[in-house]
Amino acid sequence: MTYAQTMEYINHFGHTGAPVTDLSRMETLLEALGNPHRQLKFVHIAGTNGKGSTLTYCAEAAMTAGIQTGMFTSPYILCYEDRIRVDGENIPRDALCRLGEQVRKHAPELPFSQFEITLAIALLYFLERRCELVFLEVGIGGLLDATNVVDPLVSVITSISLDHTALLGDTVEQIARQKAGIIKPHRPVVLAPANLPEVCSVVRNRAAVVDAPLQEAEQIPLEIRRQDIAGASFVYGDRPYEISMPGLHQIHNAMTAVCVLYVLEQLGYHISEEAIQQGLLHGKVPARIQVLCREPLTLLDGGHNPDGTEALRDTLNACAPKPIYGVVGLIDTKDYQHAVANLEQVLEQAFCVDGFAPNSVPAETLAEAFTRISAMPLPLKAAYAKAVQLAKAHGGTAVICGSLYLASRFLAEMGMNKM
């Protein structure tokens, strides 16, 4: 198949596929493909926020240590192929097409999702490239997520909060039970810091039931020495680290990654302290409070749920020059009123945009949701120009935020999709 034909094949499946009550559909597909997942080693990462950053810190350290490393993430930011990477490089289009054809030929006639088909392609690619270690990010939830077919070396639970409530439940305990479904019998599990007590209780109970050794990242002493828009430096345990992504939440993600890497070291992967330090320092993810420009300071962030916009709000309050002008776009499947409430605590003015996704909140509706600050609907390019103009004139900050889909569209429209 050509690239266009491959993408047409993947996209003709629904985003979620038919509802599932077990993992048999994904297991059937992988069995038809020779069960590639049984020939690979995984670190399996679930959570509401922080999955991609934690994965990136870990993968960067593993690559620095000379380990052939696979990375599976979602959704894509710059291009579809960035969901599947080996040693930091996207799957080549010819490999995507070739393996997509292999999946098409062997896939049973079942109502698969785009995610399941993409995961199957990724697993075939990781096996073909002889990856020694694959960092695998859950799509939604955990217990019934297609990725949960794997038997991981380590399970990781990052920050958990309310999101995807229609699928996972409307309390953090219900959502945590779904996320904790990736914890496997006798396999180590790492829990990120700063989780709610209800979340910690669910994870501890699940780990105890299946006799999974639990490492809670919060139990190791932390001393923050510097925190600004360029990142942070801190001492964790008795060892110094630096990161290049800003925000207290990124320190928490880095702490989680360090714990995961220590577990991998105990399991026989030689990842030196220097490799861990370099991995954290060089780990960066697009659209996670990403600095686009310094004069004026211009940021891009895809935090799309309550915890994500709270992290952005807190980082802007702590690190960004005021006043702050926002280009804001949100989708209607998220709690956009909560996001607006968070953002208007720190923004001077909001320019609301839509059209970046089929379910984006209409710009006029979004502007009306802002009650404490001035907000107006504008096209994306005009909104960006206005925010930057005002930030420059007043010595402040411009931020494009609200949705990963908006971040992806912005990078494409501004010619930044090769970053």
Protein backbone atom coordinates (compact mmCIF):
# COMPACT_ATOMS: atom_id res chain seq x y z
CA MET A 1 0.00 0.00 0.00
CA THR A 2 1.03 3.60 -0.53
CA TYR A 3 1.18 5.96 2.44
CA ALA A 4 -2.20 7.45 1.47
CA GLN A 5 -3.72 3.96 1.19
CA THR A 6 -2.22 2.95 4.54
CA MET A 7 -3.67 5.97 6.30
CA GLU A 8 -7.02 5.38 4.59
CA TYR A 9 -6.96 1.79 5.87
CA ILE A 10 -6.14 2.86 9.45
CA ASN A 11 -8.65 5.72 9.43
CA HIS A 12 -11.54 3.65 8.13
CA PHE A 13 -11.68 2.08 11.59
CA GLY A 14 -13.48 4.01 14.31
CA HIS A 15 -11.61 5.91 17.00
CA THR A 16 -12.77 3.47 19.66
CA GLY A 17 -14.05 0.45 17.73
CA ALA A 18 -16.94 -1.55 19.15
CA PRO A 19 -17.13 -1.54 22.97
CA VAL A 20 -15.08 -4.25 24.70
CA THR A 21 -15.52 -6.20 27.92
CA ASP A 22 -12.20 -8.05 27.69
CA LEU A 23 -8.97 -8.10 25.68
CA SER A 24 -9.91 -10.95 23.34
CA ARG A 25 -10.24 -8.75 20.25
CA MET A 26 -6.67 -7.46 20.52
CA GLU A 27 -5.40 -10.90 21.46
CA THR A 28 -7.06 -12.38 18.36
CA LEU A 29 -5.39 -9.80 16.12
CA LEU A 30 -1.95 -10.35 17.65
CA GLU A 31 -2.28 -14.12 17.46
CA ALA A 32 -2.94 -13.78 13.72
CA LEU A 33 0.30 -11.76 13.51
CA GLY A 34 2.43 -14.25 15.43
CA ASN A 35 2.09 -12.70 18.90
CA PRO A 36 4.91 -10.14 18.56
CA HIS A 37 4.21 -8.79 22.06
CA ARG A 38 5.36 -12.04 23.62
CA GLN A 39 8.84 -11.53 22.18
CA LEU A 40 9.36 -8.02 23.59
CA LYS A 41 10.08 -6.46 27.00
CA PHE A 42 7.86 -3.61 28.18
CA VAL A 43 7.50 -0.78 30.64
CA HIS A 44 3.74 -0.16 30.69
CA ILE A 45 2.59 3.35 31.65
CA ALA A 46 -0.96 4.39 32.62
CA GLY A 47 -2.34 7.59 34.13
CA THR A 48 -4.42 10.67 33.38
CA ASN A 49 -1.50 13.07 32.98
CA GLY A 50 2.25 12.71 32.82
CA LYS A 51 2.42 9.49 30.78
CA GLY A 52 4.21 10.99 27.79
CA SER A 53 6.72 12.98 29.82
CA THR A 54 7.52 10.08 32.16
CA LEU A 55 7.93 7.80 29.14
CA THR A 56 10.24 10.30 27.45
CA TYR A 57 12.49 10.73 30.48
CA CYS A 58 12.80 6.95 30.81
CA ALA A 59 13.38 6.35 27.11
CA GLU A 60 16.02 9.08 26.84
CA ALA A 61 17.95 7.51 29.70
CA ALA A 62 17.68 4.04 28.17
CA MET A 63 18.87 5.33 24.79
CA THR A 64 21.78 7.15 26.45
CA ALA A 65 22.70 3.82 28.05
CA GLY A 66 22.88 2.23 24.60
CA ILE A 67 19.67 0.22 24.85
CA GLN A 68 17.65 -0.25 21.64
CA THR A 69 14.48 1.51 22.74
CA GLY A 70 10.92 1.51 21.40
CA MET A 71 8.37 4.19 22.27
CA PHE A 72 4.61 4.03 21.72
CA THR A 73 2.57 7.15 22.54
CA SER A 74 -0.73 8.78 21.66
CA PRO A 75 -2.10 10.94 20.25
CA TYR A 76 0.40 12.15 17.68
CA ILE A 77 1.53 15.78 17.79
CA LEU A 78 3.60 16.51 14.70
CA CYS A 79 2.70 13.60 12.40
CA TYR A 80 1.03 10.20 12.68
CA GLU A 81 4.37 8.39 12.64
CA ASP A 82 5.56 10.05 15.86
CA ARG A 83 3.38 7.61 17.80
CA ILE A 84 5.83 4.81 16.94
CA ARG A 85 9.54 5.50 17.50
CA VAL A 86 12.74 3.53 17.88
CA ASP A 87 15.70 5.28 19.47
CA GLY A 88 13.83 8.56 19.13
CA GLU A 89 13.23 8.25 15.37
CA ASN A 90 9.73 7.97 13.91
CA ILE A 91 8.76 4.82 12.07
CA PRO A 92 9.66 5.42 8.38
CA ARG A 93 6.69 5.69 6.08
CA ASP A 94 7.81 2.72 3.99
CA ALA A 95 7.88 0.55 7.14
CA LEU A 96 4.48 1.88 8.21
CA CYS A 97 3.05 0.97 4.80
CA ARG A 98 4.68 -2.46 4.67
CA LEU A 99 3.59 -3.43 8.17
CA GLY A 100 0.17 -1.88 7.64
CA GLU A 101 -0.26 -4.19 4.66
CA GLN A 102 0.79 -7.14 6.83
CA VAL A 103 -1.84 -6.25 9.41
CA ARG A 104 -4.48 -5.73 6.71
CA LYS A 105 -3.83 -9.18 5.23
CA HIS A 106 -3.96 -11.02 8.54
CA ALA A 107 -6.52 -9.01 10.54
CA PRO A 108 -9.71 -10.96 11.27
CA GLU A 109 -13.04 -9.36 10.37
CA LEU A 110 -13.65 -7.68 13.72
CA PRO A 111 -14.65 -4.10 14.64
CA PHE A 112 -11.16 -2.92 15.54
CA SER A 113 -10.26 0.63 16.53
CA GLN A 114 -7.61 2.80 14.91
CA PHE A 115 -5.66 2.45 18.14
CA GLU A 116 -5.64 -1.35 17.99
CA ILE A 117 -4.46 -1.39 14.38
CA THR A 118 -1.74 1.17 15.13
CA LEU A 119 -0.61 -0.80 18.18
CA ALA A 120 -0.33 -3.96 16.09
CA ILE A 121 1.84 -2.13 13.53
CA ALA A 122 3.98 -0.74 16.35
CA LEU A 123 4.58 -4.14 17.94
CA LEU A 124 5.60 -5.64 14.60
CA TYR A 125 8.00 -2.74 14.06
CA PHE A 126 9.54 -2.98 17.52
CA LEU A 127 10.13 -6.70 16.97
CA GLU A 128 11.58 -6.12 13.51
CA ARG A 129 13.99 -3.54 14.94
CA ARG A 130 14.94 -5.91 17.78
CA CYS A 131 14.07 -3.45 20.51
CA GLU A 132 15.52 -4.49 23.85
CA LEU A 133 13.02 -2.40 25.80
CA VAL A 134 9.69 -0.84 24.80
CA PHE A 135 8.06 2.01 26.72
CA LEU A 136 4.35 1.55 26.09
CA GLU A 137 1.79 4.24 26.87
CA VAL A 138 -1.80 3.24 27.61
CA GLY A 139 -4.42 4.79 25.34
CA ILE A 140 -7.43 5.17 27.66
CA GLY A 141 -7.85 3.62 31.10
CA GLY A 142 -5.77 0.49 31.51
CA LEU A 143 -7.75 -2.60 32.45
CA LEU A 144 -9.51 -2.86 29.07
CA ASP A 145 -6.99 -0.88 27.02
CA ALA A 146 -5.55 -2.75 24.04
CA THR A 147 -2.02 -2.32 25.42
CA ASN A 148 -2.94 -4.41 28.46
CA VAL A 149 -2.23 -7.60 26.50
CA VAL A 150 1.44 -7.23 27.45
CA ASP A 151 3.19 -8.77 30.44
CA PRO A 152 5.45 -5.88 31.49
CA LEU A 153 8.72 -5.80 33.37
CA VAL A 154 7.38 -2.78 35.25
CA SER A 155 3.97 -1.11 35.48
CA VAL A 156 3.82 2.65 36.05
CA ILE A 157 0.91 4.71 37.37
CA THR A 158 1.32 8.45 36.82
CA SER A 159 -0.98 11.25 38.00
CA ILE A 160 -4.66 10.24 38.09
CA SER A 161 -7.59 12.65 38.00
CA LEU A 162 -11.02 12.99 36.39
CA ASP A 163 -10.95 12.46 32.62
CA HIS A 164 -12.78 10.21 30.14
CA THR A 165 -15.48 9.86 32.79
CA ALA A 166 -18.02 8.47 30.29
CA LEU A 167 -15.74 5.45 29.77
CA LEU A 168 -13.86 5.09 33.05
CA GLY A 169 -16.23 6.27 35.79
CA ASP A 170 -17.10 9.58 37.41
CA THR A 171 -14.97 9.30 40.57
CA VAL A 172 -11.19 9.19 40.93
CA GLU A 173 -11.50 5.83 42.69
CA GLN A 174 -13.32 4.31 39.71
CA ILE A 175 -10.79 5.76 37.29
CA ALA A 176 -7.87 4.60 39.46
CA ARG A 177 -9.25 1.05 39.44
CA GLN A 178 -9.21 1.11 35.64
CA LYS A 179 -5.65 2.49 35.53
CA ALA A 180 -4.45 0.03 38.17
CA GLY A 181 -5.71 -2.76 35.95
CA ILE A 182 -2.31 -2.77 34.25
CA ILE A 183 -0.61 -3.98 37.46
CA LYS A 184 0.37 -7.61 36.91
CA PRO A 185 1.03 -10.38 39.43
CA HIS A 186 4.54 -10.30 40.91
CA ARG A 187 5.65 -7.48 38.55
CA PRO A 188 7.02 -4.28 40.12
CA VAL A 189 4.86 -1.16 39.97
CA VAL A 190 5.87 2.50 40.41
CA LEU A 191 3.35 5.10 41.63
CA ALA A 192 3.91 8.78 40.84
CA PRO A 193 3.97 11.40 43.62
CA ALA A 194 1.24 13.95 44.40
CA ASN A 195 -1.65 11.57 43.78
CA LEU A 196 -4.82 11.86 45.83
CA PRO A 197 -5.08 9.58 48.89
CA GLU A 198 -8.01 7.75 47.23
CA VAL A 199 -5.80 6.98 44.21
CA CYS A 200 -2.93 5.76 46.35
CA SER A 201 -5.28 3.50 48.28
CA VAL A 202 -6.62 1.87 45.10
CA VAL A 203 -3.11 1.30 43.70
CA ARG A 204 -1.80 -0.09 47.00
CA ASN A 205 -4.76 -2.47 47.26
CA ARG A 206 -4.34 -3.74 43.71
CA ALA A 207 -0.59 -4.23 44.21
CA ALA A 208 -1.24 -6.15 47.43
CA VAL A 209 -3.89 -8.39 45.84
CA VAL A 210 -1.58 -9.48 43.00
CA ASP A 211 1.61 -9.46 45.11
CA ALA A 212 3.24 -6.75 42.98
CA PRO A 213 6.18 -4.93 44.67
CA LEU A 214 5.18 -1.27 44.93
CA GLN A 215 7.56 1.70 44.81
CA GLU A 216 5.95 5.04 45.69
CA ALA A 217 8.06 7.86 44.27
CA GLU A 218 6.85 10.23 46.97
CA GLN A 219 8.60 8.23 49.68
CA ILE A 220 12.05 9.36 48.52
CA PRO A 221 13.10 12.83 49.83
CA LEU A 222 12.97 15.73 47.34
CA GLU A 223 14.74 19.10 47.51
CA ILE A 224 13.94 21.60 44.75
CA ARG A 225 16.83 23.99 44.10
CA ARG A 226 15.65 25.87 41.01
CA GLN A 227 12.36 26.14 39.16
CA ASP A 228 11.79 28.48 36.18
CA ILE A 229 10.59 28.50 32.60
CA ALA A 230 13.80 26.73 31.50
CA GLY A 231 13.08 23.74 33.75
CA ALA A 232 14.28 22.82 37.22
CA SER A 233 17.12 21.39 39.26
CA PHE A 234 16.51 19.23 42.29
CA VAL A 235 18.00 16.60 44.57
CA TYR A 236 16.06 13.36 44.71
CA GLY A 237 17.25 11.02 47.39
CA ASP A 238 20.88 12.08 47.55
CA ARG A 239 21.42 12.63 43.82
CA PRO A 240 21.16 15.84 41.77
CA TYR A 241 19.05 16.10 38.60
CA GLU A 242 18.04 18.73 36.05
CA ILE A 243 15.12 18.81 33.67
CA SER A 244 14.40 21.10 30.72
CA MET A 245 10.58 21.11 30.88
CA PRO A 246 9.05 23.59 33.34
CA GLY A 247 6.55 23.01 36.10
CA LEU A 248 6.31 21.18 39.42
CA HIS A 249 4.38 18.43 37.63
CA GLN A 250 7.46 17.77 35.47
CA ILE A 251 9.56 17.33 38.60
CA HIS A 252 7.01 14.74 39.70
CA ASN A 253 7.20 13.02 36.31
CA ALA A 254 10.99 12.97 36.54
CA MET A 255 10.86 11.48 40.04
CA THR A 256 8.61 8.73 38.70
CA ALA A 257 11.02 8.09 35.83
CA VAL A 258 13.99 7.81 38.19
CA CYS A 259 12.15 5.16 40.22
CA VAL A 260 11.32 3.21 37.05
CA LEU A 261 14.93 3.36 35.89
CA TYR A 262 16.16 2.13 39.28
CA VAL A 263 13.78 -0.84 39.01
CA LEU A 264 15.08 -1.60 35.51
CA GLU A 265 18.63 -1.47 36.86
CA GLN A 266 17.66 -4.08 39.44
CA LEU A 267 16.20 -6.21 36.64
CA GLY A 268 19.52 -6.29 34.82
CA TYR A 269 19.42 -3.26 32.51
CA HIS A 270 22.64 -1.31 32.90
CA ILE A 271 21.46 2.30 33.07
CA SER A 272 24.12 4.35 34.82
CA GLU A 273 23.46 7.36 37.01
CA GLU A 274 25.04 9.54 34.32
CA ALA A 275 22.61 8.10 31.72
CA ILE A 276 19.68 8.87 34.03
CA GLN A 277 20.88 12.45 34.54
CA GLN A 278 21.36 12.97 30.80
CA GLY A 279 18.00 11.38 30.02
CA LEU A 280 16.16 13.73 32.35
CA LEU A 281 18.06 16.77 31.12
CA HIS A 282 17.42 16.08 27.43
CA GLY A 283 13.89 14.70 27.73
CA LYS A 284 11.42 17.01 25.98
CA VAL A 285 7.89 16.50 24.67
CA PRO A 286 6.23 18.89 22.19
CA ALA A 287 3.30 20.93 23.52
CA ARG A 288 4.10 20.39 27.20
CA ILE A 289 4.58 24.05 28.16
CA GLN A 290 6.93 24.20 25.18
CA VAL A 291 8.91 27.42 24.70
CA LEU A 292 8.41 28.60 21.12
CA CYS A 293 10.02 32.02 21.46
CA ARG A 294 11.79 34.08 24.13
CA GLU A 295 10.97 37.61 22.91
CA PRO A 296 8.21 37.81 23.85
CA LEU A 297 8.00 34.57 25.81
CA THR A 298 5.62 32.38 23.80
CA LEU A 299 4.50 28.98 25.07
CA LEU A 300 2.53 26.06 23.64
CA ASP A 301 0.69 23.61 25.89
CA GLY A 302 -1.73 20.76 25.25
CA GLY A 303 -3.00 20.28 28.81
CA HIS A 304 -6.64 19.48 28.11
CA ASN A 305 -8.22 18.21 31.33
CA PRO A 306 -8.64 19.84 34.76
CA ASP A 307 -5.29 18.66 36.13
CA GLY A 308 -3.54 19.64 32.90
CA THR A 309 -4.86 23.20 32.92
CA GLU A 310 -4.15 23.48 36.65
CA ALA A 311 -0.51 22.52 35.98
CA LEU A 312 -0.33 25.14 33.24
CA ARG A 313 -1.94 27.77 35.50
CA ASP A 314 0.49 27.07 38.34
CA THR A 315 3.53 27.11 36.05
CA LEU A 316 2.46 30.38 34.43
CA ASN A 317 1.89 31.92 37.86
CA ALA A 318 5.33 30.82 39.05
CA CYS A 319 7.47 31.32 35.98
CA ALA A 320 5.94 33.50 33.24
CA PRO A 321 6.20 37.31 32.91
CA LYS A 322 2.83 39.03 33.35
CA PRO A 323 0.45 39.95 31.78
CA ILE A 324 -0.35 36.71 29.98
CA TYR A 325 -2.42 36.57 26.79
CA GLY A 326 -3.94 33.25 25.79
CA VAL A 327 -4.97 31.61 22.53
CA VAL A 328 -7.45 29.07 23.85
CA GLY A 329 -9.16 26.16 22.11
CA LEU A 330 -10.91 23.21 23.76
CA ILE A 331 -12.94 20.17 22.73
CA ASP A 332 -16.43 19.43 23.97
CA THR A 333 -15.64 15.96 25.33
CA LYS A 334 -13.50 17.56 28.04
CA ASP A 335 -14.64 19.64 31.01
CA TYR A 336 -14.00 22.90 29.22
CA GLN A 337 -15.79 24.99 31.87
CA HIS A 338 -13.28 23.74 34.48
CA ALA A 339 -10.42 24.50 32.10
CA VAL A 340 -11.74 28.02 31.56
CA ALA A 341 -12.02 28.52 35.34
CA ASN A 342 -8.36 27.56 35.71
CA LEU A 343 -7.11 29.67 32.82
CA GLU A 344 -8.95 32.87 33.68
CA GLN A 345 -7.14 32.89 37.04
CA VAL A 346 -3.90 33.67 35.22
CA LEU A 347 -4.75 35.11 31.79
CA GLU A 348 -5.16 38.81 31.17
CA GLN A 349 -7.18 38.21 28.01
CA ALA A 350 -8.26 35.18 25.99
CA PHE A 351 -8.61 34.81 22.23
CA CYS A 352 -10.83 31.80 21.57
CA VAL A 353 -10.42 29.57 18.52
CA ASP A 354 -12.14 26.56 16.97
CA GLY A 355 -11.98 24.41 13.84
CA PHE A 356 -8.87 22.46 14.89
CA ALA A 357 -10.94 19.34 15.62
CA PRO A 358 -14.44 18.18 14.63
CA ASN A 359 -15.61 18.50 18.23
CA SER A 360 -13.90 21.76 19.13
CA VAL A 361 -16.03 24.05 21.28
CA PRO A 362 -17.32 26.90 19.08
CA ALA A 363 -15.15 29.96 19.63
CA GLU A 364 -18.16 32.12 20.50
CA THR A 365 -19.37 29.61 23.10
CA LEU A 366 -15.90 29.36 24.60
CA ALA A 367 -15.53 33.15 24.77
CA GLU A 368 -18.85 33.38 26.63
CA ALA A 369 -17.56 30.87 29.21
CA PHE A 370 -14.89 33.37 30.32
CA THR A 371 -16.64 35.61 32.87
CA ARG A 372 -13.74 37.10 34.83
CA ILE A 373 -11.59 38.35 31.94
CA SER A 374 -12.09 39.72 28.44
CA ALA A 375 -12.42 37.02 25.78
CA MET A 376 -13.22 37.15 22.07
CA PRO A 377 -13.45 34.66 19.18
CA LEU A 378 -10.82 34.92 16.43
CA PRO A 379 -9.32 32.69 13.71
CA LEU A 380 -6.20 30.86 14.88
CA LYS A 381 -3.57 32.90 13.04
CA ALA A 382 -5.20 36.19 13.97
CA ALA A 383 -5.52 35.10 17.60
CA TYR A 384 -1.86 34.13 17.73
CA ALA A 385 -0.75 37.41 16.16
CA LYS A 386 -2.85 39.41 18.60
CA ALA A 387 -1.58 37.53 21.66
CA VAL A 388 2.05 37.93 20.62
CA GLN A 389 1.54 41.63 19.79
CA LEU A 390 0.07 42.34 23.22
CA ALA A 391 2.68 40.27 25.05
CA LYS A 392 5.45 42.15 23.27
CA ALA A 393 3.88 45.54 23.92
CA HIS A 394 3.40 44.89 27.64
CA GLY A 395 6.48 42.77 28.41
CA GLY A 396 4.33 39.74 29.08
CA THR A 397 3.73 36.23 27.78
CA ALA A 398 1.69 34.64 25.00
CA VAL A 399 0.41 31.07 25.43
CA ILE A 400 -1.42 28.78 23.02
CA CYS A 401 -3.27 26.21 25.10
CA GLY A 402 -6.26 24.01 25.78
CA SER A 403 -6.03 20.94 23.55
CA LEU A 404 -3.39 18.68 22.04
CA TYR A 405 -5.38 18.85 18.81
CA LEU A 406 -5.00 22.63 18.86
CA ALA A 407 -1.27 22.28 19.53
CA SER A 408 -0.89 19.92 16.58
CA ARG A 409 -2.85 22.21 14.24
CA PHE A 410 -0.90 25.24 15.43
CA LEU A 411 2.49 23.61 14.78
CA ALA A 412 1.32 22.57 11.31
CA GLU A 413 -0.16 25.94 10.34
CA MET A 414 2.84 27.87 11.60
CA GLY A 415 5.26 25.62 9.72
CA MET A 416 6.69 24.20 12.95
CA ASN A 417 5.73 20.57 12.30
CA LYS A 418 9.35 19.59 11.62
CA MET A 419 10.50 20.60 15.11
